[in-house]
N, C-alpha and C. Protein backbone atom coordinates (compact mmCIF):
# COMPACT_ATOMS: atom_id res chain seq x y z
N MET A 1 -207.11 -92.26 51.09
CA MET A 1 -206.24 -91.11 50.90
C MET A 1 -205.35 -90.97 52.14
N THR A 2 -204.04 -90.84 51.93
CA THR A 2 -203.11 -90.71 53.04
C THR A 2 -203.14 -89.28 53.56
N THR A 3 -202.51 -89.07 54.73
CA THR A 3 -202.46 -87.74 55.33
C THR A 3 -201.76 -86.75 54.41
N SER A 4 -200.66 -87.15 53.77
CA SER A 4 -199.95 -86.23 52.88
C SER A 4 -200.79 -85.89 51.66
N GLU A 5 -201.56 -86.87 51.14
CA GLU A 5 -202.43 -86.57 50.01
C GLU A 5 -203.55 -85.64 50.44
N ALA A 6 -204.12 -85.87 51.60
CA ALA A 6 -205.21 -85.03 52.08
C ALA A 6 -204.75 -83.60 52.28
N SER A 7 -203.49 -83.42 52.64
CA SER A 7 -203.00 -82.07 52.88
C SER A 7 -202.79 -81.29 51.60
N ALA A 8 -202.83 -81.95 50.43
CA ALA A 8 -202.66 -81.26 49.15
C ALA A 8 -203.99 -80.97 48.46
N VAL A 9 -205.09 -81.23 49.13
CA VAL A 9 -206.41 -80.99 48.53
C VAL A 9 -206.77 -79.51 48.68
N VAL A 10 -207.15 -78.90 47.56
CA VAL A 10 -207.56 -77.49 47.54
C VAL A 10 -208.96 -77.39 46.93
N THR A 11 -209.66 -76.33 47.27
CA THR A 11 -210.99 -76.09 46.73
C THR A 11 -210.91 -74.97 45.71
N VAL A 12 -211.31 -75.28 44.48
CA VAL A 12 -211.28 -74.29 43.40
C VAL A 12 -212.61 -74.30 42.67
N ARG A 13 -212.91 -73.17 42.05
CA ARG A 13 -214.16 -73.02 41.31
C ARG A 13 -213.93 -73.38 39.85
N CYS A 14 -214.82 -74.16 39.28
CA CYS A 14 -214.74 -74.52 37.87
C CYS A 14 -214.91 -73.26 37.02
N PRO A 15 -214.02 -73.02 36.06
CA PRO A 15 -214.15 -71.83 35.23
C PRO A 15 -215.32 -71.89 34.25
N PHE A 16 -215.90 -73.07 34.08
CA PHE A 16 -216.99 -73.23 33.12
C PHE A 16 -218.37 -73.15 33.77
N CYS A 17 -218.58 -73.95 34.82
CA CYS A 17 -219.92 -73.99 35.44
C CYS A 17 -219.96 -73.31 36.81
N THR A 18 -218.83 -72.87 37.30
CA THR A 18 -218.65 -72.15 38.58
C THR A 18 -218.93 -72.98 39.83
N SER A 19 -219.02 -74.30 39.71
CA SER A 19 -219.21 -75.11 40.92
C SER A 19 -217.86 -75.27 41.62
N LEU A 20 -217.92 -75.38 42.96
CA LEU A 20 -216.71 -75.60 43.74
C LEU A 20 -216.30 -77.06 43.68
N ASN A 21 -215.00 -77.29 43.54
CA ASN A 21 -214.46 -78.64 43.44
C ASN A 21 -213.26 -78.78 44.36
N LYS A 22 -213.16 -79.92 45.02
CA LYS A 22 -211.94 -80.24 45.78
C LYS A 22 -211.07 -81.05 44.83
N VAL A 23 -209.82 -80.60 44.70
CA VAL A 23 -208.89 -81.30 43.82
C VAL A 23 -207.59 -81.55 44.57
N ASP A 24 -206.94 -82.62 44.21
CA ASP A 24 -205.67 -82.99 44.82
C ASP A 24 -204.56 -82.29 44.03
N LEU A 25 -203.98 -81.27 44.61
CA LEU A 25 -202.96 -80.50 43.92
C LEU A 25 -201.72 -81.34 43.63
N SER A 26 -201.44 -82.33 44.47
CA SER A 26 -200.27 -83.17 44.23
C SER A 26 -200.43 -84.01 42.96
N ARG A 27 -201.65 -84.11 42.45
CA ARG A 27 -201.91 -84.81 41.20
C ARG A 27 -202.34 -83.84 40.12
N ALA A 28 -201.85 -82.61 40.21
CA ALA A 28 -202.24 -81.55 39.27
C ALA A 28 -201.85 -81.86 37.83
N ALA A 29 -200.81 -82.65 37.64
CA ALA A 29 -200.39 -83.00 36.28
C ALA A 29 -201.45 -83.87 35.59
N ASP A 30 -202.21 -84.62 36.40
CA ASP A 30 -203.33 -85.37 35.85
C ASP A 30 -204.41 -84.37 35.47
N CYS A 31 -205.21 -84.72 34.51
CA CYS A 31 -206.29 -83.80 34.12
C CYS A 31 -207.49 -84.03 35.03
N HIS A 32 -207.70 -83.09 35.96
CA HIS A 32 -208.87 -83.16 36.83
C HIS A 32 -210.10 -82.72 36.05
N GLU A 33 -211.22 -83.33 36.35
CA GLU A 33 -212.49 -82.93 35.75
C GLU A 33 -213.36 -82.31 36.81
N CYS A 34 -214.15 -81.33 36.42
CA CYS A 34 -215.14 -80.75 37.31
C CYS A 34 -216.15 -81.85 37.66
N GLY A 35 -216.50 -81.94 38.93
CA GLY A 35 -217.47 -82.93 39.37
C GLY A 35 -218.86 -82.69 38.83
N GLU A 36 -219.15 -81.47 38.42
CA GLU A 36 -220.48 -81.10 37.93
C GLU A 36 -220.56 -81.20 36.40
N CYS A 37 -219.73 -80.43 35.69
CA CYS A 37 -219.86 -80.34 34.23
C CYS A 37 -218.87 -81.23 33.47
N LYS A 38 -217.93 -81.85 34.18
CA LYS A 38 -216.94 -82.78 33.62
C LYS A 38 -215.92 -82.12 32.70
N LYS A 39 -215.84 -80.80 32.70
CA LYS A 39 -214.83 -80.11 31.89
C LYS A 39 -213.53 -80.06 32.67
N PRO A 40 -212.40 -79.84 31.97
CA PRO A 40 -211.10 -79.92 32.65
C PRO A 40 -210.85 -78.79 33.65
N MET A 41 -210.21 -79.17 34.75
CA MET A 41 -209.77 -78.22 35.78
C MET A 41 -208.25 -78.17 35.67
N LEU A 42 -207.73 -77.18 34.98
CA LEU A 42 -206.31 -77.10 34.70
C LEU A 42 -205.59 -76.33 35.80
N LEU A 43 -204.67 -77.00 36.48
CA LEU A 43 -203.98 -76.42 37.62
C LEU A 43 -202.51 -76.11 37.33
N ASP A 44 -202.13 -76.16 36.07
CA ASP A 44 -200.77 -75.83 35.68
C ASP A 44 -200.65 -74.38 35.23
N ARG A 45 -201.65 -73.60 35.58
CA ARG A 45 -201.72 -72.18 35.26
C ARG A 45 -202.49 -71.47 36.36
N PRO A 46 -202.40 -70.15 36.43
CA PRO A 46 -203.16 -69.45 37.48
C PRO A 46 -204.66 -69.63 37.30
N ILE A 47 -205.34 -69.87 38.41
CA ILE A 47 -206.79 -70.00 38.37
C ILE A 47 -207.40 -68.67 38.81
N ARG A 48 -208.53 -68.34 38.24
CA ARG A 48 -209.23 -67.12 38.62
C ARG A 48 -209.94 -67.36 39.95
N VAL A 49 -209.75 -66.42 40.88
CA VAL A 49 -210.40 -66.49 42.18
C VAL A 49 -211.23 -65.22 42.35
N GLU A 50 -212.47 -65.41 42.70
CA GLU A 50 -213.37 -64.28 42.94
C GLU A 50 -213.34 -63.92 44.43
N GLU A 51 -213.84 -62.77 44.74
CA GLU A 51 -213.84 -62.27 46.12
C GLU A 51 -214.47 -63.28 47.09
N GLN A 52 -215.59 -63.88 46.70
CA GLN A 52 -216.30 -64.79 47.60
C GLN A 52 -215.57 -66.13 47.78
N ASP A 53 -214.59 -66.43 46.93
CA ASP A 53 -213.85 -67.69 47.03
C ASP A 53 -212.52 -67.54 47.75
N PHE A 54 -212.10 -66.34 48.05
CA PHE A 54 -210.78 -66.10 48.61
C PHE A 54 -210.53 -66.89 49.88
N GLN A 55 -211.47 -66.89 50.78
CA GLN A 55 -211.33 -67.60 52.06
C GLN A 55 -211.07 -69.09 51.84
N ILE A 56 -211.95 -69.73 51.10
CA ILE A 56 -211.85 -71.18 50.95
C ILE A 56 -210.70 -71.60 50.03
N THR A 57 -210.45 -70.83 48.97
CA THR A 57 -209.43 -71.22 48.00
C THR A 57 -208.02 -70.84 48.46
N VAL A 58 -207.87 -69.65 49.03
CA VAL A 58 -206.53 -69.16 49.39
C VAL A 58 -206.22 -69.37 50.87
N LEU A 59 -207.04 -68.82 51.73
CA LEU A 59 -206.72 -68.84 53.16
C LEU A 59 -206.86 -70.22 53.80
N GLU A 60 -207.76 -71.04 53.28
CA GLU A 60 -207.93 -72.39 53.83
C GLU A 60 -207.11 -73.45 53.11
N ALA A 61 -206.33 -73.06 52.13
CA ALA A 61 -205.50 -74.01 51.38
C ALA A 61 -204.43 -74.59 52.30
N THR A 62 -204.14 -75.85 52.12
CA THR A 62 -203.10 -76.51 52.91
C THR A 62 -201.78 -76.54 52.15
N VAL A 63 -201.74 -75.89 51.02
CA VAL A 63 -200.51 -75.74 50.23
C VAL A 63 -200.25 -74.25 50.06
N PRO A 64 -199.03 -73.86 49.74
CA PRO A 64 -198.77 -72.44 49.48
C PRO A 64 -199.58 -71.95 48.27
N VAL A 65 -200.01 -70.70 48.34
CA VAL A 65 -200.79 -70.10 47.26
C VAL A 65 -200.15 -68.76 46.91
N LEU A 66 -199.79 -68.59 45.64
CA LEU A 66 -199.30 -67.30 45.17
C LEU A 66 -200.46 -66.62 44.47
N VAL A 67 -200.86 -65.45 44.99
CA VAL A 67 -201.99 -64.72 44.43
C VAL A 67 -201.48 -63.50 43.67
N TYR A 68 -201.89 -63.40 42.43
CA TYR A 68 -201.50 -62.32 41.53
C TYR A 68 -202.70 -61.36 41.43
N PHE A 69 -202.56 -60.18 42.05
CA PHE A 69 -203.58 -59.14 41.97
C PHE A 69 -203.25 -58.26 40.77
N TYR A 70 -204.21 -58.11 39.86
CA TYR A 70 -203.96 -57.42 38.60
C TYR A 70 -205.22 -56.68 38.14
N ALA A 71 -205.07 -55.94 37.04
CA ALA A 71 -206.21 -55.36 36.32
C ALA A 71 -205.92 -55.50 34.83
N ASP A 72 -206.96 -55.71 34.04
CA ASP A 72 -206.79 -55.91 32.60
C ASP A 72 -206.15 -54.72 31.91
N TRP A 73 -206.39 -53.51 32.40
CA TRP A 73 -205.89 -52.30 31.76
C TRP A 73 -204.45 -51.95 32.15
N CYS A 74 -203.87 -52.67 33.09
CA CYS A 74 -202.56 -52.35 33.68
C CYS A 74 -201.41 -52.91 32.83
N ALA A 75 -200.59 -52.01 32.26
CA ALA A 75 -199.45 -52.44 31.43
C ALA A 75 -198.42 -53.25 32.22
N PRO A 76 -198.00 -52.81 33.42
CA PRO A 76 -197.05 -53.64 34.17
C PRO A 76 -197.62 -55.03 34.52
N CYS A 77 -198.92 -55.10 34.72
CA CYS A 77 -199.55 -56.41 34.99
C CYS A 77 -199.36 -57.34 33.80
N LYS A 78 -199.45 -56.78 32.61
CA LYS A 78 -199.27 -57.58 31.40
C LYS A 78 -197.82 -58.06 31.27
N MET A 79 -196.89 -57.33 31.86
CA MET A 79 -195.49 -57.76 31.86
C MET A 79 -195.26 -58.89 32.86
N VAL A 80 -195.99 -58.88 33.96
CA VAL A 80 -195.83 -59.89 35.01
C VAL A 80 -196.56 -61.19 34.67
N ALA A 81 -197.64 -61.11 33.92
CA ALA A 81 -198.47 -62.28 33.63
C ALA A 81 -197.68 -63.47 33.06
N PRO A 82 -196.79 -63.27 32.07
CA PRO A 82 -196.04 -64.43 31.57
C PRO A 82 -195.14 -65.08 32.63
N LEU A 83 -194.59 -64.29 33.53
CA LEU A 83 -193.78 -64.83 34.62
C LEU A 83 -194.64 -65.71 35.53
N VAL A 84 -195.83 -65.24 35.87
CA VAL A 84 -196.73 -66.02 36.73
C VAL A 84 -197.13 -67.31 36.02
N ASP A 85 -197.41 -67.23 34.73
CA ASP A 85 -197.75 -68.44 33.96
C ASP A 85 -196.58 -69.44 33.98
N GLU A 86 -195.38 -68.93 33.77
CA GLU A 86 -194.18 -69.78 33.76
C GLU A 86 -193.97 -70.46 35.11
N LEU A 87 -194.08 -69.68 36.18
CA LEU A 87 -193.90 -70.25 37.53
C LEU A 87 -194.98 -71.28 37.84
N ALA A 88 -196.20 -71.00 37.43
CA ALA A 88 -197.29 -71.96 37.66
C ALA A 88 -196.99 -73.28 36.98
N SER A 89 -196.47 -73.21 35.77
CA SER A 89 -196.14 -74.43 35.04
C SER A 89 -194.97 -75.16 35.70
N GLU A 90 -193.96 -74.42 36.15
CA GLU A 90 -192.78 -75.02 36.78
C GLU A 90 -193.09 -75.65 38.13
N HIS A 91 -194.03 -75.09 38.87
CA HIS A 91 -194.31 -75.54 40.24
C HIS A 91 -195.66 -76.23 40.37
N THR A 92 -196.16 -76.76 39.26
CA THR A 92 -197.44 -77.48 39.28
C THR A 92 -197.41 -78.59 40.32
N GLY A 93 -198.43 -78.61 41.14
CA GLY A 93 -198.56 -79.66 42.15
C GLY A 93 -197.97 -79.30 43.50
N ARG A 94 -197.16 -78.24 43.56
CA ARG A 94 -196.54 -77.85 44.83
C ARG A 94 -197.06 -76.51 45.35
N VAL A 95 -197.45 -75.64 44.43
CA VAL A 95 -197.97 -74.30 44.78
C VAL A 95 -199.20 -74.07 43.92
N LEU A 96 -200.25 -73.54 44.52
CA LEU A 96 -201.44 -73.14 43.76
C LEU A 96 -201.24 -71.69 43.34
N PHE A 97 -201.46 -71.39 42.09
CA PHE A 97 -201.34 -70.03 41.57
C PHE A 97 -202.73 -69.50 41.26
N ALA A 98 -203.01 -68.33 41.82
CA ALA A 98 -204.34 -67.73 41.66
C ALA A 98 -204.18 -66.31 41.14
N LYS A 99 -205.22 -65.83 40.47
CA LYS A 99 -205.21 -64.44 40.01
C LYS A 99 -206.54 -63.79 40.37
N ILE A 100 -206.43 -62.54 40.80
CA ILE A 100 -207.62 -61.80 41.24
C ILE A 100 -207.63 -60.46 40.55
N ASP A 101 -208.71 -60.18 39.85
CA ASP A 101 -208.91 -58.90 39.16
C ASP A 101 -209.33 -57.86 40.21
N THR A 102 -208.46 -56.88 40.46
CA THR A 102 -208.73 -55.89 41.51
C THR A 102 -209.95 -55.03 41.20
N ASP A 103 -210.29 -54.86 39.93
CA ASP A 103 -211.49 -54.08 39.58
C ASP A 103 -212.76 -54.82 39.99
N ARG A 104 -212.71 -56.15 39.97
CA ARG A 104 -213.88 -56.96 40.33
C ARG A 104 -213.90 -57.33 41.81
N ALA A 105 -212.76 -57.15 42.48
CA ALA A 105 -212.65 -57.53 43.89
C ALA A 105 -212.12 -56.36 44.71
N GLN A 106 -212.84 -55.26 44.68
CA GLN A 106 -212.35 -54.05 45.33
C GLN A 106 -212.30 -54.16 46.85
N GLN A 107 -213.28 -54.78 47.47
CA GLN A 107 -213.26 -54.93 48.93
C GLN A 107 -212.12 -55.84 49.38
N LEU A 108 -211.90 -56.91 48.64
CA LEU A 108 -210.80 -57.81 48.95
C LEU A 108 -209.46 -57.11 48.77
N SER A 109 -209.34 -56.31 47.72
CA SER A 109 -208.10 -55.56 47.48
C SER A 109 -207.81 -54.61 48.64
N LEU A 110 -208.84 -53.97 49.15
CA LEU A 110 -208.66 -53.10 50.32
C LEU A 110 -208.26 -53.92 51.54
N ALA A 111 -208.93 -55.02 51.74
CA ALA A 111 -208.65 -55.86 52.91
C ALA A 111 -207.22 -56.42 52.87
N GLN A 112 -206.70 -56.66 51.68
CA GLN A 112 -205.35 -57.21 51.53
C GLN A 112 -204.30 -56.09 51.36
N ASN A 113 -204.74 -54.85 51.54
CA ASN A 113 -203.84 -53.71 51.50
C ASN A 113 -203.10 -53.59 50.15
N ILE A 114 -203.85 -53.78 49.08
CA ILE A 114 -203.28 -53.65 47.74
C ILE A 114 -203.24 -52.15 47.41
N ARG A 115 -202.04 -51.60 47.34
CA ARG A 115 -201.84 -50.17 47.08
C ARG A 115 -201.43 -49.89 45.66
N GLY A 116 -200.93 -50.91 44.98
CA GLY A 116 -200.49 -50.78 43.59
C GLY A 116 -200.55 -52.14 42.94
N ILE A 117 -200.65 -52.12 41.61
CA ILE A 117 -200.68 -53.38 40.88
C ILE A 117 -199.61 -53.34 39.81
N PRO A 118 -199.08 -54.48 39.47
CA PRO A 118 -199.38 -55.81 40.00
C PRO A 118 -198.82 -56.00 41.40
N THR A 119 -199.55 -56.74 42.20
CA THR A 119 -199.08 -57.18 43.52
C THR A 119 -199.22 -58.69 43.56
N LEU A 120 -198.17 -59.34 44.01
CA LEU A 120 -198.19 -60.79 44.19
C LEU A 120 -197.96 -61.08 45.66
N ILE A 121 -198.85 -61.85 46.25
CA ILE A 121 -198.74 -62.19 47.66
C ILE A 121 -198.67 -63.71 47.78
N LEU A 122 -197.69 -64.17 48.53
CA LEU A 122 -197.57 -65.60 48.80
C LEU A 122 -198.19 -65.88 50.16
N PHE A 123 -199.14 -66.81 50.18
CA PHE A 123 -199.80 -67.23 51.40
C PHE A 123 -199.37 -68.66 51.73
N SER A 124 -199.14 -68.91 52.99
CA SER A 124 -198.86 -70.26 53.46
C SER A 124 -199.62 -70.45 54.76
N GLU A 125 -200.41 -71.51 54.81
CA GLU A 125 -201.25 -71.79 55.97
C GLU A 125 -202.14 -70.59 56.33
N GLY A 126 -202.66 -69.91 55.32
CA GLY A 126 -203.59 -68.82 55.52
C GLY A 126 -202.98 -67.48 55.89
N LYS A 127 -201.66 -67.42 55.93
CA LYS A 127 -200.99 -66.18 56.33
C LYS A 127 -200.08 -65.69 55.21
N GLU A 128 -200.00 -64.38 55.08
CA GLU A 128 -199.08 -63.79 54.10
C GLU A 128 -197.65 -64.03 54.57
N VAL A 129 -196.83 -64.59 53.67
CA VAL A 129 -195.42 -64.83 54.00
C VAL A 129 -194.48 -64.06 53.08
N GLY A 130 -195.02 -63.40 52.07
CA GLY A 130 -194.18 -62.61 51.17
C GLY A 130 -195.03 -61.80 50.22
N ARG A 131 -194.45 -60.69 49.74
CA ARG A 131 -195.18 -59.79 48.86
C ARG A 131 -194.22 -59.15 47.88
N SER A 132 -194.69 -58.95 46.66
CA SER A 132 -193.95 -58.24 45.63
C SER A 132 -194.91 -57.27 44.96
N VAL A 133 -194.46 -56.02 44.78
CA VAL A 133 -195.28 -55.01 44.12
C VAL A 133 -194.51 -54.50 42.92
N GLY A 134 -195.18 -54.47 41.77
CA GLY A 134 -194.52 -54.02 40.55
C GLY A 134 -193.88 -55.20 39.83
N PHE A 135 -192.93 -54.88 38.98
CA PHE A 135 -192.25 -55.90 38.19
C PHE A 135 -190.95 -56.27 38.88
N GLU A 136 -191.00 -57.34 39.68
CA GLU A 136 -189.84 -57.81 40.45
C GLU A 136 -189.67 -59.32 40.22
N PRO A 137 -189.26 -59.72 39.01
CA PRO A 137 -189.22 -61.15 38.71
C PRO A 137 -188.33 -61.97 39.65
N GLU A 138 -187.18 -61.46 40.00
CA GLU A 138 -186.28 -62.24 40.88
C GLU A 138 -186.88 -62.40 42.28
N LYS A 139 -187.52 -61.36 42.79
CA LYS A 139 -188.15 -61.46 44.10
C LYS A 139 -189.28 -62.49 44.09
N VAL A 140 -190.08 -62.47 43.02
CA VAL A 140 -191.19 -63.43 42.92
C VAL A 140 -190.65 -64.85 42.83
N ARG A 141 -189.62 -65.05 42.02
CA ARG A 141 -189.01 -66.38 41.90
C ARG A 141 -188.48 -66.87 43.25
N SER A 142 -187.85 -65.97 44.00
CA SER A 142 -187.30 -66.40 45.30
C SER A 142 -188.42 -66.68 46.31
N LEU A 143 -189.52 -65.93 46.24
CA LEU A 143 -190.66 -66.22 47.11
C LEU A 143 -191.16 -67.65 46.90
N VAL A 144 -191.37 -67.98 45.63
CA VAL A 144 -191.90 -69.31 45.28
C VAL A 144 -190.87 -70.39 45.62
N ALA A 145 -189.61 -70.13 45.33
CA ALA A 145 -188.57 -71.12 45.61
C ALA A 145 -188.46 -71.39 47.12
N GLY A 146 -188.78 -70.39 47.93
CA GLY A 146 -188.68 -70.55 49.37
C GLY A 146 -189.73 -71.47 49.97
N VAL A 147 -190.79 -71.78 49.23
CA VAL A 147 -191.84 -72.65 49.78
C VAL A 147 -191.94 -73.99 49.06
N THR A 148 -191.09 -74.21 48.05
CA THR A 148 -191.16 -75.49 47.33
C THR A 148 -189.99 -76.38 47.67
């Protein structure tokens, strides 16, 4: 594995068996399999990140990560979700897209200063580099475009 390939490796949790997997984001178009259960690890859409995975999946990622903080009951969140799905598909392999349910990750939401939802935060090299609160499609698009 070359240095550039190694820098695109991210750690994500399998949505089926919950085991942690290192995957090469630069090869996200290929169908990655979970090392444990062999089910597909689809990286062309937002992946669910739990509170305990935030450090390793988001902050330790060597690629930009756009995190979508939402709640299932939130109407504006439902308006933003298709935009996040679209951007994830458009930027597959260059940006990791994650989603965090604020009802299930209350301590993390406090630590990340989430005051309203939906909130989208772009992280690069473990640091916040941009934030959007509410329905701001153009701002979100420009955030992602700025790191790709």
